């Protein structure tokens, strides 16, 4: 199975977990010139931009380590584009969450980072 297929499989698992936790999925794999946002959803009054990271086991490192400053900047840039493109007000409450999948364990980290 190629990397993209594996990524899609685990993004689907993440979306199911998020739905179970009360997130309303709006969009998956939003692409723009600056990058991609894996999942966009509503939760607790926030518009959430969600990054999904998967690692087979700890030998590949913690999935959260892959959400580095460069990745955060790309996600924030895409989020701004998404908000503008879709006519959201500047006052729209947003949150950046991460779904970290290690093996079969799925963790949802709310407000994993702030807008940069």
PDB file of N, CA and C in Angstrom:
ATOM      1  N   UNK A   1       0.851  -1.181   0.000  1.00  0.00           N
ATOM      2  CA  UNK A   1       0.000   0.000   0.000  1.00  0.00           C
ATOM      3  C   UNK A   1       0.897   1.245   0.000  1.00  0.00           C
ATOM      4  N   UNK A   2       0.597   2.208  -0.869  1.00  0.00           N
ATOM      5  CA  UNK A   2       1.438   3.406  -0.940  1.00  0.00           C
ATOM      6  C   UNK A   2       1.096   4.374   0.200  1.00  0.00           C
ATOM      7  N   UNK A   3       1.964   5.370   0.377  1.00  0.00           N
ATOM      8  CA  UNK A   3       1.802   6.330   1.478  1.00  0.00           C
ATOM      9  C   UNK A   3       0.473   7.072   1.439  1.00  0.00           C
ATOM     10  N   UNK A   4       0.035   7.464   0.251  1.00  0.00           N
ATOM     11  CA  UNK A   4      -1.217   8.215   0.128  1.00  0.00           C
ATOM     12  C   UNK A   4      -2.413   7.360   0.547  1.00  0.00           C
ATOM     13  N   UNK A   5      -2.392   6.080   0.152  1.00  0.00           N
ATOM     14  CA  UNK A   5      -3.472   5.172   0.520  1.00  0.00           C
ATOM     15  C   UNK A   5      -3.499   4.944   2.031  1.00  0.00           C
ATOM     16  N   UNK A   6      -2.323   4.793   2.630  1.00  0.00           N
ATOM     17  CA  UNK A   6      -2.233   4.632   4.083  1.00  0.00           C
ATOM     18  C   UNK A   6      -2.746   5.895   4.771  1.00  0.00           C
ATOM     19  N   UNK A   7      -2.338   7.048   4.272  1.00  0.00           N
ATOM     20  CA  UNK A   7      -2.790   8.320   4.839  1.00  0.00           C
ATOM     21  C   UNK A   7      -4.295   8.452   4.780  1.00  0.00           C
ATOM     22  N   UNK A   8      -4.874   8.092   3.649  1.00  0.00           N
ATOM     23  CA  UNK A   8      -6.329   8.166   3.480  1.00  0.00           C
ATOM     24  C   UNK A   8      -7.038   7.235   4.462  1.00  0.00           C
ATOM     25  N   UNK A   9      -6.496   6.039   4.631  1.00  0.00           N
ATOM     26  CA  UNK A   9      -7.095   5.064   5.564  1.00  0.00           C
ATOM     27  C   UNK A   9      -7.128   5.627   6.985  1.00  0.00           C
ATOM     28  N   UNK A  10      -6.032   6.216   7.422  1.00  0.00           N
ATOM     29  CA  UNK A  10      -5.971   6.723   8.794  1.00  0.00           C
ATOM     30  C   UNK A  10      -6.709   8.052   8.952  1.00  0.00           C
ATOM     31  N   UNK A  11      -6.817   8.822   7.902  1.00  0.00           N
ATOM     32  CA  UNK A  11      -7.652  10.028   7.959  1.00  0.00           C
ATOM     33  C   UNK A  11      -9.119   9.641   8.130  1.00  0.00           C
ATOM     34  N   UNK A  12      -9.530   8.545   7.502  1.00  0.00           N
ATOM     35  CA  UNK A  12     -10.900   8.046   7.675  1.00  0.00           C
ATOM     36  C   UNK A  12     -11.130   7.580   9.113  1.00  0.00           C
ATOM     37  N   UNK A  13     -10.144   6.882   9.677  1.00  0.00           N
ATOM     38  CA  UNK A  13     -10.252   6.449  11.078  1.00  0.00           C
ATOM     39  C   UNK A  13     -10.340   7.666  11.996  1.00  0.00           C
ATOM     40  N   UNK A  14      -9.545   8.674  11.707  1.00  0.00           N
ATOM     41  CA  UNK A  14      -9.566   9.908  12.504  1.00  0.00           C
ATOM     42  C   UNK A  14     -10.927  10.573  12.405  1.00  0.00           C
ATOM     43  N   UNK A  15     -11.487  10.651  11.204  1.00  0.00           N
ATOM     44  CA  UNK A  15     -12.792  11.285  11.002  1.00  0.00           C
ATOM     45  C   UNK A  15     -13.876  10.543  11.777  1.00  0.00           C
ATOM     46  N   UNK A  16     -13.824   9.219  11.797  1.00  0.00           N
ATOM     47  CA  UNK A  16     -14.802   8.431  12.556  1.00  0.00           C
ATOM     48  C   UNK A  16     -14.684   8.713  14.045  1.00  0.00           C
ATOM     49  N   UNK A  17     -13.447   8.762  14.543  1.00  0.00           N
ATOM     50  CA  UNK A  17     -13.219   9.060  15.963  1.00  0.00           C
ATOM     51  C   UNK A  17     -13.746  10.453  16.298  1.00  0.00           C
ATOM     52  N   UNK A  18     -13.436  11.424  15.455  1.00  0.00           N
ATOM     53  CA  UNK A  18     -13.897  12.793  15.684  1.00  0.00           C
ATOM     54  C   UNK A  18     -15.425  12.859  15.699  1.00  0.00           C
ATOM     55  N   UNK A  19     -16.066  12.166  14.771  1.00  0.00           N
ATOM     56  CA  UNK A  19     -17.528  12.144  14.727  1.00  0.00           C
ATOM     57  C   UNK A  19     -18.091  11.553  16.017  1.00  0.00           C
ATOM     58  N   UNK A  20     -17.465  10.502  16.521  1.00  0.00           N
ATOM     59  CA  UNK A  20     -17.900   9.895  17.784  1.00  0.00           C
ATOM     60  C   UNK A  20     -17.772  10.880  18.947  1.00  0.00           C
ATOM     61  N   UNK A  21     -16.826  11.799  18.838  1.00  0.00           N
ATOM     62  CA  UNK A  21     -16.591  12.794  19.895  1.00  0.00           C
ATOM     63  C   UNK A  21     -17.436  14.058  19.699  1.00  0.00           C
ATOM     64  N   UNK A  22     -18.309  14.059  18.708  1.00  0.00           N
ATOM     65  CA  UNK A  22     -19.211  15.185  18.514  1.00  0.00           C
ATOM     66  C   UNK A  22     -18.786  16.207  17.474  1.00  0.00           C
ATOM     67  N   UNK A  23     -17.700  15.961  16.771  1.00  0.00           N
ATOM     68  CA  UNK A  23     -17.280  16.856  15.691  1.00  0.00           C
ATOM     69  C   UNK A  23     -18.211  16.649  14.499  1.00  0.00           C
ATOM     70  N   UNK A  24     -18.534  17.737  13.807  1.00  0.00           N
ATOM     71  CA  UNK A  24     -19.308  17.652  12.568  1.00  0.00           C
ATOM     72  C   UNK A  24     -18.331  17.928  11.423  1.00  0.00           C
ATOM     73  N   UNK A  25     -18.020  16.895  10.686  1.00  0.00           N
ATOM     74  CA  UNK A  25     -17.046  17.009   9.595  1.00  0.00           C
ATOM     75  C   UNK A  25     -17.661  17.837   8.462  1.00  0.00           C
ATOM     76  N   UNK A  26     -16.916  18.857   8.047  1.00  0.00           N
ATOM     77  CA  UNK A  26     -17.352  19.733   6.955  1.00  0.00           C
ATOM     78  C   UNK A  26     -16.648  19.356   5.655  1.00  0.00           C
ATOM     79  N   UNK A  27     -15.351  19.088   5.770  1.00  0.00           N
ATOM     80  CA  UNK A  27     -14.560  18.836   4.569  1.00  0.00           C
ATOM     81  C   UNK A  27     -13.322  18.028   4.929  1.00  0.00           C
ATOM     82  N   UNK A  28     -12.870  17.219   3.964  1.00  0.00           N
ATOM     83  CA  UNK A  28     -11.640  16.449   4.126  1.00  0.00           C
ATOM     84  C   UNK A  28     -10.700  16.816   2.995  1.00  0.00           C
ATOM     85  N   UNK A  29      -9.424  16.818   3.289  1.00  0.00           N
ATOM     86  CA  UNK A  29      -8.376  17.062   2.294  1.00  0.00           C
ATOM     87  C   UNK A  29      -8.598  18.342   1.501  1.00  0.00           C
ATOM     88  N   UNK A  30      -8.665  19.450   2.232  1.00  0.00           N
ATOM     89  CA  UNK A  30      -8.779  20.756   1.594  1.00  0.00           C
ATOM     90  C   UNK A  30      -7.391  21.175   1.117  1.00  0.00           C
ATOM     91  N   UNK A  31      -7.260  21.356  -0.195  1.00  0.00           N
ATOM     92  CA  UNK A  31      -5.981  21.750  -0.790  1.00  0.00           C
ATOM     93  C   UNK A  31      -6.009  23.213  -1.199  1.00  0.00           C
ATOM     94  N   UNK A  32      -4.878  23.865  -1.005  1.00  0.00           N
ATOM     95  CA  UNK A  32      -4.679  25.201  -1.558  1.00  0.00           C
ATOM     96  C   UNK A  32      -3.220  25.287  -1.985  1.00  0.00           C
ATOM     97  N   UNK A  33      -2.859  26.389  -2.566  1.00  0.00           N
ATOM     98  CA  UNK A  33      -1.493  26.561  -3.085  1.00  0.00           C
ATOM     99  C   UNK A  33      -0.429  26.293  -2.011  1.00  0.00           C
ATOM    100  N   UNK A  34      -0.720  26.680  -0.783  1.00  0.00           N
ATOM    101  CA  UNK A  34       0.262  26.554   0.289  1.00  0.00           C
ATOM    102  C   UNK A  34       0.315  25.224   0.995  1.00  0.00           C
ATOM    103  N   UNK A  35      -0.617  24.321   0.708  1.00  0.00           N
ATOM    104  CA  UNK A  35      -0.598  23.032   1.387  1.00  0.00           C
ATOM    105  C   UNK A  35      -1.963  22.395   1.489  1.00  0.00           C
ATOM    106  N   UNK A  36      -2.178  21.647   2.575  1.00  0.00           N
ATOM    107  CA  UNK A  36      -3.407  20.884   2.742  1.00  0.00           C
ATOM    108  C   UNK A  36      -3.829  20.874   4.202  1.00  0.00           C
ATOM    109  N   UNK A  37      -5.145  20.845   4.407  1.00  0.00           N
ATOM    110  CA  UNK A  37      -5.693  20.608   5.739  1.00  0.00           C
ATOM    111  C   UNK A  37      -6.438  19.282   5.649  1.00  0.00           C
ATOM    112  N   UNK A  38      -6.091  18.347   6.539  1.00  0.00           N
ATOM    113  CA  UNK A  38      -6.652  17.004   6.470  1.00  0.00           C
ATOM    114  C   UNK A  38      -8.158  16.983   6.702  1.00  0.00           C
ATOM    115  N   UNK A  39      -8.607  17.634   7.775  1.00  0.00           N
ATOM    116  CA  UNK A  39     -10.032  17.632   8.114  1.00  0.00           C
ATOM    117  C   UNK A  39     -10.425  19.019   8.621  1.00  0.00           C
ATOM    118  N   UNK A  40     -11.583  19.482   8.174  1.00  0.00           N
ATOM    119  CA  UNK A  40     -12.168  20.717   8.694  1.00  0.00           C
ATOM    120  C   UNK A  40     -13.508  20.311   9.299  1.00  0.00           C
ATOM    121  N   UNK A  41     -13.744  20.741  10.536  1.00  0.00           N
ATOM    122  CA  UNK A  41     -14.957  20.323  11.242  1.00  0.00           C
ATOM    123  C   UNK A  41     -15.422  21.418  12.190  1.00  0.00           C
ATOM    124  N   UNK A  42     -16.643  21.248  12.689  1.00  0.00           N
ATOM    125  CA  UNK A  42     -17.181  22.127  13.736  1.00  0.00           C
ATOM    126  C   UNK A  42     -17.216  21.332  15.031  1.00  0.00           C
ATOM    127  N   UNK A  43     -16.834  22.003  16.137  1.00  0.00           N
ATOM    128  CA  UNK A  43     -16.877  21.371  17.453  1.00  0.00           C
ATOM    129  C   UNK A  43     -16.897  22.445  18.526  1.00  0.00           C
ATOM    130  N   UNK A  44     -17.845  22.341  19.427  1.00  0.00           N
ATOM    131  CA  UNK A  44     -17.927  23.234  20.582  1.00  0.00           C
ATOM    132  C   UNK A  44     -17.900  24.713  20.193  1.00  0.00           C
ATOM    133  N   UNK A  45     -18.561  25.047  19.088  1.00  0.00           N
ATOM    134  CA  UNK A  45     -18.624  26.436  18.645  1.00  0.00           C
ATOM    135  C   UNK A  45     -17.419  26.910  17.851  1.00  0.00           C
ATOM    136  N   UNK A  46     -16.468  26.031  17.606  1.00  0.00           N
ATOM    137  CA  UNK A  46     -15.258  26.379  16.855  1.00  0.00           C
ATOM    138  C   UNK A  46     -15.292  25.764  15.464  1.00  0.00           C
ATOM    139  N   UNK A  47     -14.656  26.448  14.537  1.00  0.00           N
ATOM    140  CA  UNK A  47     -14.324  25.865  13.251  1.00  0.00           C
ATOM    141  C   UNK A  47     -12.929  25.281  13.449  1.00  0.00           C
ATOM    142  N   UNK A  48     -12.809  23.970  13.322  1.00  0.00           N
ATOM    143  CA  UNK A  48     -11.554  23.286  13.651  1.00  0.00           C
ATOM    144  C   UNK A  48     -10.815  22.857  12.390  1.00  0.00           C
ATOM    145  N   UNK A  49      -9.546  23.178  12.363  1.00  0.00           N
ATOM    146  CA  UNK A  49      -8.644  22.741  11.309  1.00  0.00           C
ATOM    147  C   UNK A  49      -7.797  21.636  11.929  1.00  0.00           C
ATOM    148  N   UNK A  50      -7.897  20.433  11.369  1.00  0.00           N
ATOM    149  CA  UNK A  50      -7.356  19.256  12.033  1.00  0.00           C
ATOM    150  C   UNK A  50      -6.294  18.580  11.172  1.00  0.00           C
ATOM    151  N   UNK A  51      -5.151  18.378  11.775  1.00  0.00           N
ATOM    152  CA  UNK A  51      -4.044  17.653  11.145  1.00  0.00           C
ATOM    153  C   UNK A  51      -4.049  16.231  11.691  1.00  0.00           C
ATOM    154  N   UNK A  52      -3.910  15.247  10.794  1.00  0.00           N
ATOM    155  CA  UNK A  52      -3.861  13.843  11.191  1.00  0.00           C
ATOM    156  C   UNK A  52      -2.452  13.333  10.951  1.00  0.00           C
ATOM    157  N   UNK A  53      -1.859  12.739  11.992  1.00  0.00           N
ATOM    158  CA  UNK A  53      -0.521  12.157  11.861  1.00  0.00           C
ATOM    159  C   UNK A  53      -0.547  10.730  12.367  1.00  0.00           C
ATOM    160  N   UNK A  54       0.013   9.816  11.566  1.00  0.00           N
ATOM    161  CA  UNK A  54       0.026   8.387  11.887  1.00  0.00           C
ATOM    162  C   UNK A  54       1.453   7.865  11.916  1.00  0.00           C
ATOM    163  N   UNK A  55       1.728   7.008  12.880  1.00  0.00           N
ATOM    164  CA  UNK A  55       2.979   6.261  12.938  1.00  0.00           C
ATOM    165  C   UNK A  55       2.629   4.821  13.295  1.00  0.00           C
ATOM    166  N   UNK A  56       3.283   3.873  12.626  1.00  0.00           N
ATOM    167  CA  UNK A  56       3.032   2.452  12.861  1.00  0.00           C
ATOM    168  C   UNK A  56       3.394   2.064  14.294  1.00  0.00           C
ATOM    169  N   UNK A  57       4.568   2.540  14.718  1.00  0.00           N
ATOM    170  CA  UNK A  57       4.999   2.284  16.095  1.00  0.00           C
ATOM    171  C   UNK A  57       5.981   3.371  16.514  1.00  0.00           C
ATOM    172  N   UNK A  58       6.474   3.284  17.757  1.00  0.00           N
ATOM    173  CA  UNK A  58       7.346   4.333  18.292  1.00  0.00           C
ATOM    174  C   UNK A  58       8.712   4.402  17.621  1.00  0.00           C
ATOM    175  N   UNK A  59       9.103   3.357  16.887  1.00  0.00           N
ATOM    176  CA  UNK A  59      10.398   3.392  16.200  1.00  0.00           C
ATOM    177  C   UNK A  59      10.426   4.492  15.139  1.00  0.00           C
ATOM    178  N   UNK A  60       9.253   4.887  14.673  1.00  0.00           N
ATOM    179  CA  UNK A  60       9.151   5.963  13.681  1.00  0.00           C
ATOM    180  C   UNK A  60       8.980   7.326  14.349  1.00  0.00           C
ATOM    181  N   UNK A  61       8.986   7.345  15.687  1.00  0.00           N
ATOM    182  CA  UNK A  61       8.813   8.589  16.426  1.00  0.00           C
ATOM    183  C   UNK A  61       7.358   8.831  16.776  1.00  0.00           C
ATOM    184  N   UNK A  62       7.143   9.791  17.643  1.00  0.00           N
ATOM    185  CA  UNK A  62       5.801  10.166  18.056  1.00  0.00           C
ATOM    186  C   UNK A  62       5.138  10.942  16.923  1.00  0.00           C
ATOM    187  N   UNK A  63       3.878  10.643  16.612  1.00  0.00           N
ATOM    188  CA  UNK A  63       3.213  11.372  15.522  1.00  0.00           C
ATOM    189  C   UNK A  63       3.167  12.885  15.761  1.00  0.00           C
ATOM    190  N   UNK A  64       3.098  13.296  17.013  1.00  0.00           N
ATOM    191  CA  UNK A  64       3.045  14.734  17.310  1.00  0.00           C
ATOM    192  C   UNK A  64       4.328  15.456  16.917  1.00  0.00           C
ATOM    193  N   UNK A  65       5.451  14.747  16.933  1.00  0.00           N
ATOM    194  CA  UNK A  65       6.729  15.359  16.547  1.00  0.00           C
ATOM    195  C   UNK A  65       6.727  15.804  15.087  1.00  0.00           C
ATOM    196  N   UNK A  66       5.868  15.193  14.282  1.00  0.00           N
ATOM    197  CA  UNK A  66       5.810  15.527  12.855  1.00  0.00           C
ATOM    198  C   UNK A  66       5.071  16.848  12.604  1.00  0.00           C
ATOM    199  N   UNK A  67       4.397  17.359  13.621  1.00  0.00           N
ATOM    200  CA  UNK A  67       3.711  18.645  13.484  1.00  0.00           C
ATOM    201  C   UNK A  67       4.671  19.720  13.986  1.00  0.00           C
ATOM    202  N   UNK A  68       5.625  20.036  13.124  1.00  0.00           N
ATOM    203  CA  UNK A  68       6.665  20.999  13.482  1.00  0.00           C
ATOM    204  C   UNK A  68       6.250  22.411  13.068  1.00  0.00           C
ATOM    205  N   UNK A  69       7.106  23.372  13.338  1.00  0.00           N
ATOM    206  CA  UNK A  69       6.799  24.771  13.060  1.00  0.00           C
ATOM    207  C   UNK A  69       6.493  25.005  11.581  1.00  0.00           C
ATOM    208  N   UNK A  70       7.234  24.361  10.703  1.00  0.00           N
ATOM    209  CA  UNK A  70       7.006  24.511   9.260  1.00  0.00           C
ATOM    210  C   UNK A  70       5.598  24.029   8.895  1.00  0.00           C
ATOM    211  N   UNK A  71       5.196  22.881   9.437  1.00  0.00           N
ATOM    212  CA  UNK A  71       3.874  22.320   9.176  1.00  0.00           C
ATOM    213  C   UNK A  71       2.777  23.222   9.755  1.00  0.00           C
ATOM    214  N   UNK A  72       3.000  23.733  10.952  1.00  0.00           N
ATOM    215  CA  UNK A  72       2.032  24.625  11.600  1.00  0.00           C
ATOM    216  C   UNK A  72       1.811  25.873  10.740  1.00  0.00           C
ATOM    217  N   UNK A  73       2.879  26.447  10.230  1.00  0.00           N
ATOM    218  CA  UNK A  73       2.756  27.643   9.384  1.00  0.00           C
ATOM    219  C   UNK A  73       1.947  27.346   8.129  1.00  0.00           C
ATOM    220  N   UNK A  74       2.166  26.182   7.525  1.00  0.00           N
ATOM    221  CA  UNK A  74       1.418  25.803   6.322  1.00  0.00           C
ATOM    222  C   UNK A  74      -0.069  25.635   6.628  1.00  0.00           C
ATOM    223  N   UNK A  75      -0.357  24.975   7.747  1.00  0.00           N
ATOM    224  CA  UNK A  75      -1.758  24.760   8.131  1.00  0.00           C
ATOM    225  C   UNK A  75      -2.434  26.107   8.375  1.00  0.00           C
ATOM    226  N   UNK A  76      -1.764  27.001   9.080  1.00  0.00           N
ATOM    227  CA  UNK A  76      -2.337  28.326   9.375  1.00  0.00           C
ATOM    228  C   UNK A  76      -2.592  29.111   8.092  1.00  0.00           C
ATOM    229  N   UNK A  77      -1.656  29.041   7.168  1.00  0.00           N
ATOM    230  CA  UNK A  77      -1.808  29.742   5.892  1.00  0.00           C
ATOM    231  C   UNK A  77      -3.008  29.191   5.123  1.00  0.00           C
ATOM    232  N   UNK A  78      -3.151  27.889   5.094  1.00  0.00           N
ATOM    233  CA  UNK A  78      -4.299  27.263   4.422  1.00  0.00           C
ATOM    234  C   UNK A  78      -5.603  27.622   5.120  1.00  0.00           C
ATOM    235  N   UNK A  79      -5.578  27.680   6.452  1.00  0.00           N
ATOM    236  CA  UNK A  79      -6.781  28.024   7.214  1.00  0.00           C
ATOM    237  C   UNK A  79      -7.246  29.433   6.863  1.00  0.00           C
ATOM    238  N   UNK A  80      -6.318  30.369   6.782  1.00  0.00           N
ATOM    239  CA  UNK A  80      -6.669  31.743   6.413  1.00  0.00           C
ATOM    240  C   UNK A  80      -7.282  31.757   5.013  1.00  0.00           C
ATOM    241  N   UNK A  81      -6.695  31.026   4.091  1.00  0.00           N
ATOM    242  CA  UNK A  81      -7.233  30.955   2.730  1.00  0.00           C
ATOM    243  C   UNK A  81      -8.643  30.365   2.744  1.00  0.00           C
ATOM    244  N   UNK A  82      -8.840  29.285   3.493  1.00  0.00           N
ATOM    245  CA  UNK A  82     -10.150  28.644   3.586  1.00  0.00           C
ATOM    246  C   UNK A  82     -11.195  29.618   4.124  1.00  0.00           C
ATOM    247  N   UNK A  83     -10.859  30.317   5.202  1.00  0.00           N
ATOM    248  CA  UNK A  83     -11.790  31.272   5.814  1.00  0.00           C
ATOM    249  C   UNK A  83     -12.171  32.376   4.828  1.00  0.00           C
ATOM    250  N   UNK A  84     -11.177  32.895   4.135  1.00  0.00           N
ATOM    251  CA  UNK A  84     -11.405  33.976   3.162  1.00  0.00           C
ATOM    252  C   UNK A  84     -12.232  33.470   1.985  1.00  0.00           C
ATOM    253  N   UNK A  85     -11.826  32.346   1.429  1.00  0.00           N
ATOM    254  CA  UNK A  85     -12.503  31.771   0.257  1.00  0.00           C
ATOM    255  C   UNK A  85     -13.969  31.481   0.548  1.00  0.00           C
ATOM    256  N   UNK A  86     -14.268  31.073   1.777  1.00  0.00           N
ATOM    257  CA  UNK A  86     -15.621  30.666   2.129  1.00  0.00           C
ATOM    258  C   UNK A  86     -16.417  31.750   2.852  1.00  0.00           C
ATOM    259  N   UNK A  87     -15.870  32.973   2.907  1.00  0.00           N
ATOM    260  CA  UNK A  87     -16.611  34.113   3.422  1.00  0.00           C
ATOM    261  C   UNK A  87     -16.847  34.137   4.925  1.00  0.00           C
ATOM    262  N   UNK A  88     -16.003  33.491   5.684  1.00  0.00           N
ATOM    263  CA  UNK A  88     -16.135  33.526   7.145  1.00  0.00           C
ATOM    264  C   UNK A  88     -15.699  34.894   7.667  1.00  0.00           C
ATOM    265  N   UNK A  89     -16.351  35.349   8.714  1.00  0.00           N
ATOM    266  CA  UNK A  89     -15.986  36.622   9.340  1.00  0.00           C
ATOM    267  C   UNK A  89     -14.652  36.477  10.070  1.00  0.00           C
ATOM    268  N   UNK A  90     -13.954  37.596  10.206  1.00  0.00           N
ATOM    269  CA  UNK A  90     -12.669  37.594  10.939  1.00  0.00           C
ATOM    270  C   UNK A  90     -12.847  37.169  12.395  1.00  0.00           C
ATOM    271  N   UNK A  91     -14.063  37.304  12.901  1.00  0.00           N
ATOM    272  CA  UNK A  91     -14.336  36.975  14.301  1.00  0.00           C
ATOM    273  C   UNK A  91     -14.721  35.510  14.506  1.00  0.00           C
ATOM    274  N   UNK A  92     -14.714  34.717  13.432  1.00  0.00           N
ATOM    275  CA  UNK A  92     -15.058  33.298  13.538  1.00  0.00           C
ATOM    276  C   UNK A  92     -14.084  32.611  14.494  1.00  0.00           C
ATOM    277  N   UNK A  93     -14.595  31.957  15.535  1.00  0.00           N
ATOM    278  CA  UNK A  93     -13.687  31.251  16.453  1.00  0.00           C
ATOM    279  C   UNK A  93     -13.122  30.000  15.776  1.00  0.00           C
ATOM    280  N   UNK A  94     -11.803  29.917  15.736  1.00  0.00           N
ATOM    281  CA  UNK A  94     -11.143  28.767  15.118  1.00  0.00           C
ATOM    282  C   UNK A  94     -10.244  28.075  16.136  1.00  0.00           C
ATOM    283  N   UNK A  95      -9.987  26.811  15.848  1.00  0.00           N
ATOM    284  CA  UNK A  95      -9.108  26.020  16.717  1.00  0.00           C
ATOM    285  C   UNK A  95      -8.309  25.072  15.829  1.00  0.00           C
ATOM    286  N   UNK A  96      -7.094  24.806  16.237  1.00  0.00           N
ATOM    287  CA  UNK A  96      -6.225  23.893  15.505  1.00  0.00           C
ATOM    288  C   UNK A  96      -6.014  22.646  16.365  1.00  0.00           C
ATOM    289  N   UNK A  97      -6.547  21.526  15.887  1.00  0.00           N
ATOM    290  CA  UNK A  97      -6.456  20.262  16.607  1.00  0.00           C
ATOM    291  C   UNK A  97      -5.551  19.299  15.838  1.00  0.00           C
ATOM    292  N   UNK A  98      -5.055  18.299  16.549  1.00  0.00           N
ATOM    293  CA  UNK A  98      -4.253  17.249  15.930  1.00  0.00           C
ATOM    294  C   UNK A  98      -4.807  15.901  16.373  1.00  0.00           C
ATOM    295  N   UNK A  99      -4.939  14.993  15.414  1.00  0.00           N
ATOM    296  CA  UNK A  99      -5.258  13.609  15.727  1.00  0.00           C
ATOM    297  C   UNK A  99      -3.966  12.829  15.533  1.00  0.00           C
ATOM    298  N   UNK A 100      -3.457  12.279  16.635  1.00  0.00           N
ATOM    299  CA  UNK A 100      -2.212  11.514  16.606  1.00  0.00           C
ATOM    300  C   UNK A 100      -2.567  10.035  16.714  1.00  0.00           C
ATOM    301  N   UNK A 101      -2.154   9.265  15.722  1.00  0.00           N
ATOM    302  CA  UNK A 101      -2.442   7.836  15.706  1.00  0.00           C
ATOM    303  C   UNK A 101      -1.115   7.086  15.795  1.00  0.00           C
ATOM    304  N   UNK A 102      -0.973   6.305  16.862  1.00  0.00           N
ATOM    305  CA  UNK A 102       0.223   5.482  17.071  1.00  0.00           C
ATOM    306  C   UNK A 102      -0.245   4.039  17.138  1.00  0.00           C
ATOM    307  N   UNK A 103       0.068   3.282  16.079  1.00  0.00           N
ATOM    308  CA  UNK A 103      -0.468   1.925  15.982  1.00  0.00           C
ATOM    309  C   UNK A 103      -1.972   2.020  15.823  1.00  0.00           C
ATOM    310  N   UNK A 104      -2.709   1.475  16.788  1.00  0.00           N
ATOM    311  CA  UNK A 104      -4.170   1.554  16.755  1.00  0.00           C
ATOM    312  C   UNK A 104      -4.724   2.537  17.783  1.00  0.00           C
ATOM    313  N   UNK A 105      -3.840   3.202  18.540  1.00  0.00           N
ATOM    314  CA  UNK A 105      -4.264   4.176  19.547  1.00  0.00           C
ATOM    315  C   UNK A 105      -4.481   5.538  18.881  1.00  0.00           C
ATOM    316  N   UNK A 106      -5.646   6.117  19.116  1.00  0.00           N
ATOM    317  CA  UNK A 106      -5.991   7.411  18.517  1.00  0.00           C
ATOM    318  C   UNK A 106      -6.181   8.439  19.625  1.00  0.00           C
ATOM    319  N   UNK A 107      -5.397   9.519  19.558  1.00  0.00           N
ATOM    320  CA  UNK A 107      -5.522  10.618  20.517  1.00  0.00           C
ATOM    321  C   UNK A 107      -5.944  11.875  19.770  1.00  0.00           C
ATOM    322  N   UNK A 108      -6.898  12.586  20.350  1.00  0.00           N
ATOM    323  CA  UNK A 108      -7.325  13.863  19.791  1.00  0.00           C
ATOM    324  C   UNK A 108      -6.815  14.958  20.720  1.00  0.00           C
ATOM    325  N   UNK A 109      -5.975  15.842  20.209  1.00  0.00           N
ATOM    326  CA  UNK A 109      -5.427  16.941  20.993  1.00  0.00           C
ATOM    327  C   UNK A 109      -6.103  18.227  20.517  1.00  0.00           C
ATOM    328  N   UNK A 110      -6.979  18.754  21.364  1.00  0.00           N
ATOM    329  CA  UNK A 110      -7.675  20.003  21.033  1.00  0.00           C
ATOM    330  C   UNK A 110      -6.749  21.168  21.283  1.00  0.00           C
ATOM    331  N   UNK A 111      -6.867  22.184  20.432  1.00  0.00           N
ATOM    332  CA  UNK A 111      -6.066  23.399  20.573  1.00  0.00           C
ATOM    333  C   UNK A 111      -4.579  23.053  20.672  1.00  0.00           C
ATOM    334  N   UNK A 112      -4.116  22.209  19.753  1.00  0.00           N
ATOM    335  CA  UNK A 112      -2.744  21.717  19.778  1.00  0.00           C
ATOM    336  C   UNK A 112      -1.713  22.829  19.540  1.00  0.00           C
ATOM    337  N   UNK A 113      -2.128  23.854  18.812  1.00  0.00           N
ATOM    338  CA  UNK A 113      -1.236  25.000  18.596  1.00  0.00           C
ATOM    339  C   UNK A 113      -2.080  26.213  18.278  1.00  0.00           C
ATOM    340  N   UNK A 114      -1.491  27.379  18.408  1.00  0.00           N
ATOM    341  CA  UNK A 114      -2.179  28.639  18.133  1.00  0.00           C
ATOM    342  C   UNK A 114      -1.814  29.132  16.738  1.00  0.00           C
ATOM    343  N   UNK A 115      -2.641  30.022  16.236  1.00  0.00           N
ATOM    344  CA  UNK A 115      -2.382  30.648  14.949  1.00  0.00           C
ATOM    345  C   UNK A 115      -1.069  31.417  15.017  1.00  0.00           C
ATOM    346  N   UNK A 116      -0.247  31.226  14.007  1.00  0.00           N
ATOM    347  CA  UNK A 116       1.059  31.930  13.959  1.00  0.00           C
ATOM    348  C   UNK A 116       0.990  33.030  12.937  1.00  0.00           C
TER     349      UNK A 116
END
